[in-house]
C-alpha atoms as a PDB file:
ATOM      1  CA  MET A   1     -27.591  14.818-114.867  1.00  0.00           C
ATOM      2  CA  ASP A   2     -29.315  17.837-113.422  1.00  0.00           C
ATOM      3  CA  LEU A   3     -29.364  20.233-116.368  1.00  0.00           C
ATOM      4  CA  ASP A   4     -31.343  22.922-114.457  1.00  0.00           C
ATOM      5  CA  ARG A   5     -28.637  23.012-111.802  1.00  0.00           C
ATOM      6  CA  LEU A   6     -25.817  23.226-114.444  1.00  0.00           C
ATOM      7  CA  MET A   7     -27.618  26.087-116.217  1.00  0.00           C
ATOM      8  CA  GLY A   8     -27.702  28.169-113.096  1.00  0.00           C
ATOM      9  CA  LYS A   9     -24.188  27.622-111.765  1.00  0.00           C
ATOM     10  CA  HIS A  10     -20.973  29.728-112.040  1.00  0.00           C
ATOM     11  CA  LEU A  11     -17.470  28.400-112.719  1.00  0.00           C
ATOM     12  CA  THR A  12     -15.589  27.974-109.381  1.00  0.00           C
ATOM     13  CA  ARG A  13     -12.860  30.576-109.039  1.00  0.00           C
ATOM     14  CA  TYR A  14     -12.010  29.760-105.454  1.00  0.00           C
ATOM     15  CA  PHE A  15     -11.119  26.213-104.491  1.00  0.00           C
ATOM     16  CA  ASP A  16     -11.149  24.682-101.095  1.00  0.00           C
ATOM     17  CA  PRO A  17      -7.519  23.679-100.479  1.00  0.00           C
ATOM     18  CA  GLY A  18      -8.519  21.287 -97.788  1.00  0.00           C
ATOM     19  CA  ARG A  19     -10.518  18.992-100.043  1.00  0.00           C
ATOM     20  CA  THR A  20      -8.974  16.350-102.338  1.00  0.00           C
ATOM     21  CA  ILE A  21     -10.880  14.519-105.084  1.00  0.00           C
ATOM     22  CA  PRO A  22     -11.105  10.740-103.996  1.00  0.00           C
ATOM     23  CA  GLU A  23      -8.822   8.604-106.070  1.00  0.00           C
ATOM     24  CA  GLU A  24     -11.666   6.367-107.324  1.00  0.00           C
ATOM     25  CA  THR A  25     -13.463   9.581-108.600  1.00  0.00           C
ATOM     26  CA  LEU A  26     -10.306  10.857-110.096  1.00  0.00           C
ATOM     27  CA  GLN A  27      -9.589   7.624-112.043  1.00  0.00           C
ATOM     28  CA  ARG A  28     -13.243   7.605-113.308  1.00  0.00           C
ATOM     29  CA  LEU A  29     -12.756  11.124-114.586  1.00  0.00           C
ATOM     30  CA  LEU A  30      -9.458  10.354-116.183  1.00  0.00           C
ATOM     31  CA  ARG A  31     -10.959   7.225-117.939  1.00  0.00           C
ATOM     32  CA  PHE A  32     -13.651   9.546-119.277  1.00  0.00           C
ATOM     33  CA  LEU A  33     -11.044  12.015-120.469  1.00  0.00           C
ATOM     34  CA  ARG A  34      -9.217   9.203-122.232  1.00  0.00           C
ATOM     35  CA  SER A  35     -12.424   8.186-124.010  1.00  0.00           C
ATOM     36  CA  THR A  36     -13.342  11.587-125.383  1.00  0.00           C
ATOM     37  CA  PRO A  37     -13.617  11.639-129.236  1.00  0.00           C
ATOM     38  CA  SER A  38     -11.445  13.345-131.655  1.00  0.00           C
ATOM     39  CA  SER A  39     -11.908  13.877-135.400  1.00  0.00           C
ATOM     40  CA  VAL A  40     -10.665  10.755-137.417  1.00  0.00           C
ATOM     41  CA  ASN A  41      -9.577   9.407-134.082  1.00  0.00           C
ATOM     42  CA  VAL A  42      -6.359  11.444-134.351  1.00  0.00           C
ATOM     43  CA  GLN A  43      -5.942  11.511-130.532  1.00  0.00           C
ATOM     44  CA  PRO A  44      -3.646  14.586-130.558  1.00  0.00           C
ATOM     45  CA  ASN A  45      -3.326  15.020-126.870  1.00  0.00           C
ATOM     46  CA  HIS A  46      -1.126  14.176-123.860  1.00  0.00           C
ATOM     47  CA  PHE A  47      -2.393  15.143-120.354  1.00  0.00           C
ATOM     48  CA  TYR A  48      -0.288  16.112-117.380  1.00  0.00           C
ATOM     49  CA  VAL A  49      -2.190  15.456-114.101  1.00  0.00           C
ATOM     50  CA  VAL A  50      -0.858  17.872-111.621  1.00  0.00           C
ATOM     51  CA  ALA A  51      -1.559  16.731-107.993  1.00  0.00           C
ATOM     52  CA  THR A  52       1.536  16.952-105.790  1.00  0.00           C
ATOM     53  CA  PRO A  53       2.497  20.137-103.926  1.00  0.00           C
ATOM     54  CA  GLU A  54       5.700  20.218-105.951  1.00  0.00           C
ATOM     55  CA  GLY A  55       3.774  19.958-109.248  1.00  0.00           C
ATOM     56  CA  LYS A  56       1.298  22.588-108.221  1.00  0.00           C
ATOM     57  CA  GLN A  57       3.924  25.020-107.159  1.00  0.00           C
ATOM     58  CA  ARG A  58       5.964  24.401-110.474  1.00  0.00           C
ATOM     59  CA  LEU A  59       2.746  25.165-112.454  1.00  0.00           C
ATOM     60  CA  ALA A  60       1.659  28.091-110.414  1.00  0.00           C
ATOM     61  CA  SER A  61       5.215  29.653-110.695  1.00  0.00           C
ATOM     62  CA  ASN A  62       5.295  29.320-114.427  1.00  0.00           C
ATOM     63  CA  LEU A  63       1.980  30.850-115.492  1.00  0.00           C
ATOM     64  CA  GLY A  64       3.736  34.048-116.648  1.00  0.00           C
ATOM     65  CA  GLU A  65       3.951  37.396-114.808  1.00  0.00           C
ATOM     66  CA  ARG A  66       0.654  38.787-116.150  1.00  0.00           C
ATOM     67  CA  PHE A  67      -1.355  35.673-115.136  1.00  0.00           C
ATOM     68  CA  MET A  68      -0.142  35.224-111.596  1.00  0.00           C
ATOM     69  CA  ASP A  69      -3.611  35.863-110.329  1.00  0.00           C
ATOM     70  CA  ASN A  70      -4.491  32.281-111.448  1.00  0.00           C
ATOM     71  CA  SER A  71      -1.785  30.778-109.324  1.00  0.00           C
ATOM     72  CA  GLU A  72      -4.110  30.617-106.243  1.00  0.00           C
ATOM     73  CA  LYS A  73      -6.507  28.448-108.312  1.00  0.00           C
ATOM     74  CA  ILE A  74      -3.726  26.115-109.222  1.00  0.00           C
ATOM     75  CA  LEU A  75      -2.509  25.866-105.665  1.00  0.00           C
ATOM     76  CA  ASN A  76      -5.871  25.364-104.062  1.00  0.00           C
ATOM     77  CA  ALA A  77      -7.421  22.948-106.601  1.00  0.00           C
ATOM     78  CA  SER A  78      -7.271  19.305-105.819  1.00  0.00           C
ATOM     79  CA  HIS A  79      -5.827  18.588-109.280  1.00  0.00           C
ATOM     80  CA  THR A  80      -5.012  20.563-112.426  1.00  0.00           C
ATOM     81  CA  ILE A  81      -4.800  18.869-115.884  1.00  0.00           C
ATOM     82  CA  ILE A  82      -2.515  20.418-118.399  1.00  0.00           C
ATOM     83  CA  LEU A  83      -4.016  19.568-121.809  1.00  0.00           C
ATOM     84  CA  THR A  84      -1.405  19.551-124.550  1.00  0.00           C
ATOM     85  CA  THR A  85      -1.781  19.251-128.339  1.00  0.00           C
ATOM     86  CA  ARG A  86       0.508  17.860-130.867  1.00  0.00           C
ATOM     87  CA  ALA A  87       2.392  20.310-133.079  1.00  0.00           C
ATOM     88  CA  ASP A  88       1.908  17.981-136.025  1.00  0.00           C
ATOM     89  CA  VAL A  89       0.948  14.491-136.852  1.00  0.00           C
ATOM     90  CA  SER A  90       4.013  12.514-137.577  1.00  0.00           C
ATOM     91  CA  ASP A  91       4.002   9.289-139.481  1.00  0.00           C
ATOM     92  CA  SER A  92       4.947   7.382-136.278  1.00  0.00           C
ATOM     93  CA  HIS A  93       2.032   8.824-134.397  1.00  0.00           C
ATOM     94  CA  LEU A  94      -0.449   8.012-137.188  1.00  0.00           C
ATOM     95  CA  GLU A  95       0.909   4.499-137.451  1.00  0.00           C
ATOM     96  CA  ALA A  96       0.457   4.086-133.710  1.00  0.00           C
ATOM     97  CA  VAL A  97      -3.157   5.196-134.043  1.00  0.00           C
ATOM     98  CA  PHE A  98      -3.719   2.703-136.807  1.00  0.00           C
ATOM     99  CA  ALA A  99      -2.012  -0.110-134.970  1.00  0.00           C
ATOM    100  CA  LYS A 100      -4.087   0.465-131.832  1.00  0.00           C
ATOM    101  CA  GLU A 101      -7.295   0.408-133.819  1.00  0.00           C
ATOM    102  CA  ARG A 102      -6.300  -2.832-135.467  1.00  0.00           C
ATOM    103  CA  ALA A 103      -5.469  -4.326-132.091  1.00  0.00           C
ATOM    104  CA  ASP A 104      -8.727  -3.166-130.605  1.00  0.00           C
ATOM    105  CA  GLY A 105     -10.707  -4.488-133.566  1.00  0.00           C
ATOM    106  CA  ARG A 106     -12.231  -1.114-134.384  1.00  0.00           C
ATOM    107  CA  PHE A 107     -12.885  -2.386-137.984  1.00  0.00           C
ATOM    108  CA  PRO A 108     -13.189  -6.186-137.905  1.00  0.00           C
ATOM    109  CA  ASP A 109     -13.108  -6.128-141.695  1.00  0.00           C
ATOM    110  CA  PRO A 110      -9.452  -5.567-142.888  1.00  0.00           C
ATOM    111  CA  ALA A 111     -10.700  -3.933-146.051  1.00  0.00           C
ATOM    112  CA  LYS A 112     -12.712  -1.337-144.110  1.00  0.00           C
ATOM    113  CA  GLN A 113      -9.702  -0.637-141.912  1.00  0.00           C
ATOM    114  CA  GLU A 114      -7.572  -0.140-144.979  1.00  0.00           C
ATOM    115  CA  LEU A 115     -10.101   2.187-146.495  1.00  0.00           C
ATOM    116  CA  TRP A 116     -10.411   4.146-143.246  1.00  0.00           C
ATOM    117  CA  GLU A 117      -6.524   4.599-143.059  1.00  0.00           C
ATOM    118  CA  SER A 118      -6.496   5.858-146.738  1.00  0.00           C
ATOM    119  CA  MET A 119      -9.359   8.336-145.963  1.00  0.00           C
ATOM    120  CA  THR A 120      -7.696   9.478-142.802  1.00  0.00           C
ATOM    121  CA  ARG A 121      -4.383  10.130-144.542  1.00  0.00           C
ATOM    122  CA  ASP A 122      -6.186  12.151-147.275  1.00  0.00           C
ATOM    123  CA  PHE A 123      -8.129  14.197-144.693  1.00  0.00           C
ATOM    124  CA  LEU A 124      -4.909  14.986-142.752  1.00  0.00           C
ATOM    125  CA  ASN A 125      -3.156  16.009-145.984  1.00  0.00           C
ATOM    126  CA  LEU A 126      -5.994  18.359-146.691  1.00  0.00           C
ATOM    127  CA  ARG A 127      -5.551  19.906-143.209  1.00  0.00           C
ATOM    128  CA  SER A 128      -1.804  20.237-143.697  1.00  0.00           C
ATOM    129  CA  TYR A 129      -1.521  21.403-147.281  1.00  0.00           C
ATOM    130  CA  GLY A 130      -5.035  22.555-148.278  1.00  0.00           C
ATOM    131  CA  TYR A 131      -6.504  24.388-145.263  1.00  0.00           C
ATOM    132  CA  LYS A 132      -3.042  24.734-143.667  1.00  0.00           C
ATOM    133  CA  ASP A 133      -4.656  24.680-140.199  1.00  0.00           C
ATOM    134  CA  LEU A 134      -3.494  21.275-138.822  1.00  0.00           C
ATOM    135  CA  ASN A 135      -2.442  22.458-135.402  1.00  0.00           C
ATOM    136  CA  HIS A 136      -5.438  24.818-134.965  1.00  0.00           C
ATOM    137  CA  TRP A 137      -7.808  21.934-136.030  1.00  0.00           C
ATOM    138  CA  MET A 138      -6.212  19.562-133.475  1.00  0.00           C
ATOM    139  CA  GLU A 139      -6.593  22.262-130.753  1.00  0.00           C
ATOM    140  CA  LYS A 140     -10.326  22.195-131.483  1.00  0.00           C
ATOM    141  CA  GLN A 141     -10.268  18.525-130.586  1.00  0.00           C
ATOM    142  CA  THR A 142      -8.521  19.556-127.334  1.00  0.00           C
ATOM    143  CA  TYR A 143     -11.325  21.956-126.454  1.00  0.00           C
ATOM    144  CA  MET A 144     -13.953  19.374-127.241  1.00  0.00           C
ATOM    145  CA  ALA A 145     -12.273  17.146-124.638  1.00  0.00           C
ATOM    146  CA  VAL A 146     -12.227  19.886-122.104  1.00  0.00           C
ATOM    147  CA  GLY A 147     -15.981  20.580-122.580  1.00  0.00           C
ATOM    148  CA  LEU A 148     -17.034  17.009-122.301  1.00  0.00           C
ATOM    149  CA  THR A 149     -14.784  16.405-119.228  1.00  0.00           C
ATOM    150  CA  MET A 150     -16.313  19.469-117.491  1.00  0.00           C
ATOM    151  CA  MET A 151     -19.744  17.833-117.982  1.00  0.00           C
ATOM    152  CA  ALA A 152     -18.504  14.524-116.601  1.00  0.00           C
ATOM    153  CA  ALA A 153     -16.860  16.279-113.674  1.00  0.00           C
ATOM    154  CA  ALA A 154     -20.201  17.860-112.760  1.00  0.00           C
ATOM    155  CA  GLU A 155     -21.861  14.474-112.972  1.00  0.00           C
ATOM    156  CA  LEU A 156     -19.315  13.222-110.412  1.00  0.00           C
ATOM    157  CA  GLY A 157     -19.788  16.214-108.134  1.00  0.00           C
ATOM    158  CA  VAL A 158     -16.512  17.814-108.902  1.00  0.00           C
ATOM    159  CA  GLU A 159     -15.969  21.439-110.031  1.00  0.00           C
ATOM    160  CA  ALA A 160     -14.018  22.015-113.195  1.00  0.00           C
ATOM    161  CA  THR A 161     -12.661  25.416-114.257  1.00  0.00           C
ATOM    162  CA  PRO A 162     -10.784  25.880-117.559  1.00  0.00           C
ATOM    163  CA  LEU A 163      -7.958  28.327-117.568  1.00  0.00           C
ATOM    164  CA  GLU A 164      -6.421  30.139-120.540  1.00  0.00           C
ATOM    165  CA  GLY A 165      -4.667  32.728-118.377  1.00  0.00           C
ATOM    166  CA  PHE A 166      -1.038  31.358-118.631  1.00  0.00           C
ATOM    167  CA  ASP A 167       2.003  31.689-120.820  1.00  0.00           C
ATOM    168  CA  PRO A 168       2.116  28.591-122.886  1.00  0.00           C
ATOM    169  CA  ALA A 169       5.857  28.834-123.552  1.00  0.00           C
ATOM    170  CA  SER A 170       6.568  29.103-119.877  1.00  0.00           C
ATOM    171  CA  VAL A 171       4.459  26.042-118.974  1.00  0.00           C
ATOM    172  CA  ASP A 172       5.978  24.172-121.894  1.00  0.00           C
ATOM    173  CA  LYS A 173       9.449  24.821-120.604  1.00  0.00           C
ATOM    174  CA  ALA A 174       8.640  23.960-117.013  1.00  0.00           C
ATOM    175  CA  PHE A 175       7.168  20.591-117.828  1.00  0.00           C
ATOM    176  CA  LYS A 176       9.417  19.848-120.886  1.00  0.00           C
ATOM    177  CA  VAL A 177       6.281  19.678-122.988  1.00  0.00           C
ATOM    178  CA  ARG A 178       7.791  20.521-126.415  1.00  0.00           C
ATOM    179  CA  GLU A 179      10.332  17.760-126.136  1.00  0.00           C
ATOM    180  CA  THR A 180       7.345  15.392-126.608  1.00  0.00           C
ATOM    181  CA  GLY A 181       6.195  17.155-129.819  1.00  0.00           C
ATOM    182  CA  HIS A 182       3.288  18.810-128.006  1.00  0.00           C
ATOM    183  CA  SER A 183       2.495  22.314-126.737  1.00  0.00           C
ATOM    184  CA  THR A 184       0.162  23.408-123.928  1.00  0.00           C
ATOM    185  CA  THR A 185      -3.294  24.380-125.028  1.00  0.00           C
ATOM    186  CA  VAL A 186      -5.430  24.842-121.849  1.00  0.00           C
ATOM    187  CA  LEU A 187      -5.568  24.051-118.177  1.00  0.00           C
ATOM    188  CA  LEU A 188      -8.365  22.456-116.287  1.00  0.00           C
ATOM    189  CA  ALA A 189      -8.589  22.993-112.581  1.00  0.00           C
ATOM    190  CA  LEU A 190     -10.483  20.368-110.565  1.00  0.00           C
ATOM    191  CA  GLY A 191     -11.625  20.298-106.970  1.00  0.00           C
ATOM    192  CA  TYR A 192     -14.324  21.622-104.697  1.00  0.00           C
ATOM    193  CA  PRO A 193     -15.504  25.227-104.102  1.00  0.00           C
ATOM    194  CA  ASP A 194     -14.457  27.209-101.034  1.00  0.00           C
ATOM    195  CA  PRO A 195     -17.779  27.408 -99.232  1.00  0.00           C
ATOM    196  CA  ARG A 196     -16.897  30.857 -98.000  1.00  0.00           C
ATOM    197  CA  LYS A 197     -16.509  32.259-101.474  1.00  0.00           C
ATOM    198  CA  VAL A 198     -19.359  30.679-103.526  1.00  0.00           C
ATOM    199  CA  TYR A 199     -21.080  32.998-106.011  1.00  0.00           C
ATOM    200  CA  SER A 200     -24.856  33.272-105.293  1.00  0.00           C
ATOM    201  CA  ASN A 201     -25.773  36.015-107.791  1.00  0.00           C
ATOM    202  CA  PRO A 202     -27.636  34.949-110.939  1.00  0.00           C
ATOM    203  CA  ILE A 203     -25.885  34.296-114.245  1.00  0.00           C
ATOM    204  CA  SER A 204     -26.350  36.730-117.056  1.00  0.00           C
ATOM    205  CA  ARG A 205     -26.935  35.498-120.693  1.00  0.00           C
ATOM    206  CA  PHE A 206     -28.663  36.985-123.765  1.00  0.00           C
ATOM    207  CA  ASP A 207     -32.286  36.050-124.269  1.00  0.00           C
ATOM    208  CA  ALA A 208     -33.087  33.169-126.559  1.00  0.00           C
ATOM    209  CA  ASP A 209     -34.501  35.267-129.337  1.00  0.00           C
ATOM    210  CA  ARG A 210     -31.100  36.920-129.740  1.00  0.00           C
ATOM    211  CA  LEU A 211     -29.142  33.648-129.679  1.00  0.00           C
ATOM    212  CA  PHE A 212     -31.220  31.341-131.771  1.00  0.00           C
ATOM    213  CA  THR A 213     -32.361  31.350-135.363  1.00  0.00           C
ATOM    214  CA  PHE A 214     -34.756  28.648-136.494  1.00  0.00           C
ATOM    215  CA  VAL A 215     -34.635  27.830-140.142  1.00  0.00           C
END
């Protein structure tokens, strides 16, 4: 990975509508997204991969009136991923996580798996009843997935632009997200930049002495 190149690049705001991510590249990126970690392996997400003209139009038309300037990005991007987050952790979801871990042999020692499940339940109860921030905590896991996927996209030569400019309730309704027990957290537009509209001006960030404290 060329970190120097990444440090000097802007996020793509104008995608080339004539270019599509090759299927092999897309599947590699989705496999990576599936592999991204989450705290206590809670896996709180469901992902909608918007690729068809109909899907793009549905998303672009339901961003909300004040966010319609993002519709061009959706329509011109090769793909957009709608990243949704669970509203809560139901017993059935948690049991499905544990069942998959057992099937995959995550903890070959059954005693360790049992201990892990007990610790996970305690931690989730703390989030639900102690800190009372369960949904917010799960959304943090979603943003971790976004950040890692953006880095993976760059490694594959794909531009990835996160978008928060949308009305979550409108997107939820358009894609029937809440019926699944999730809500929309963030969008990730993927594709290739329009060569006529590539930013060439330097990025602007605070100097290191303002940003870092060494203890």
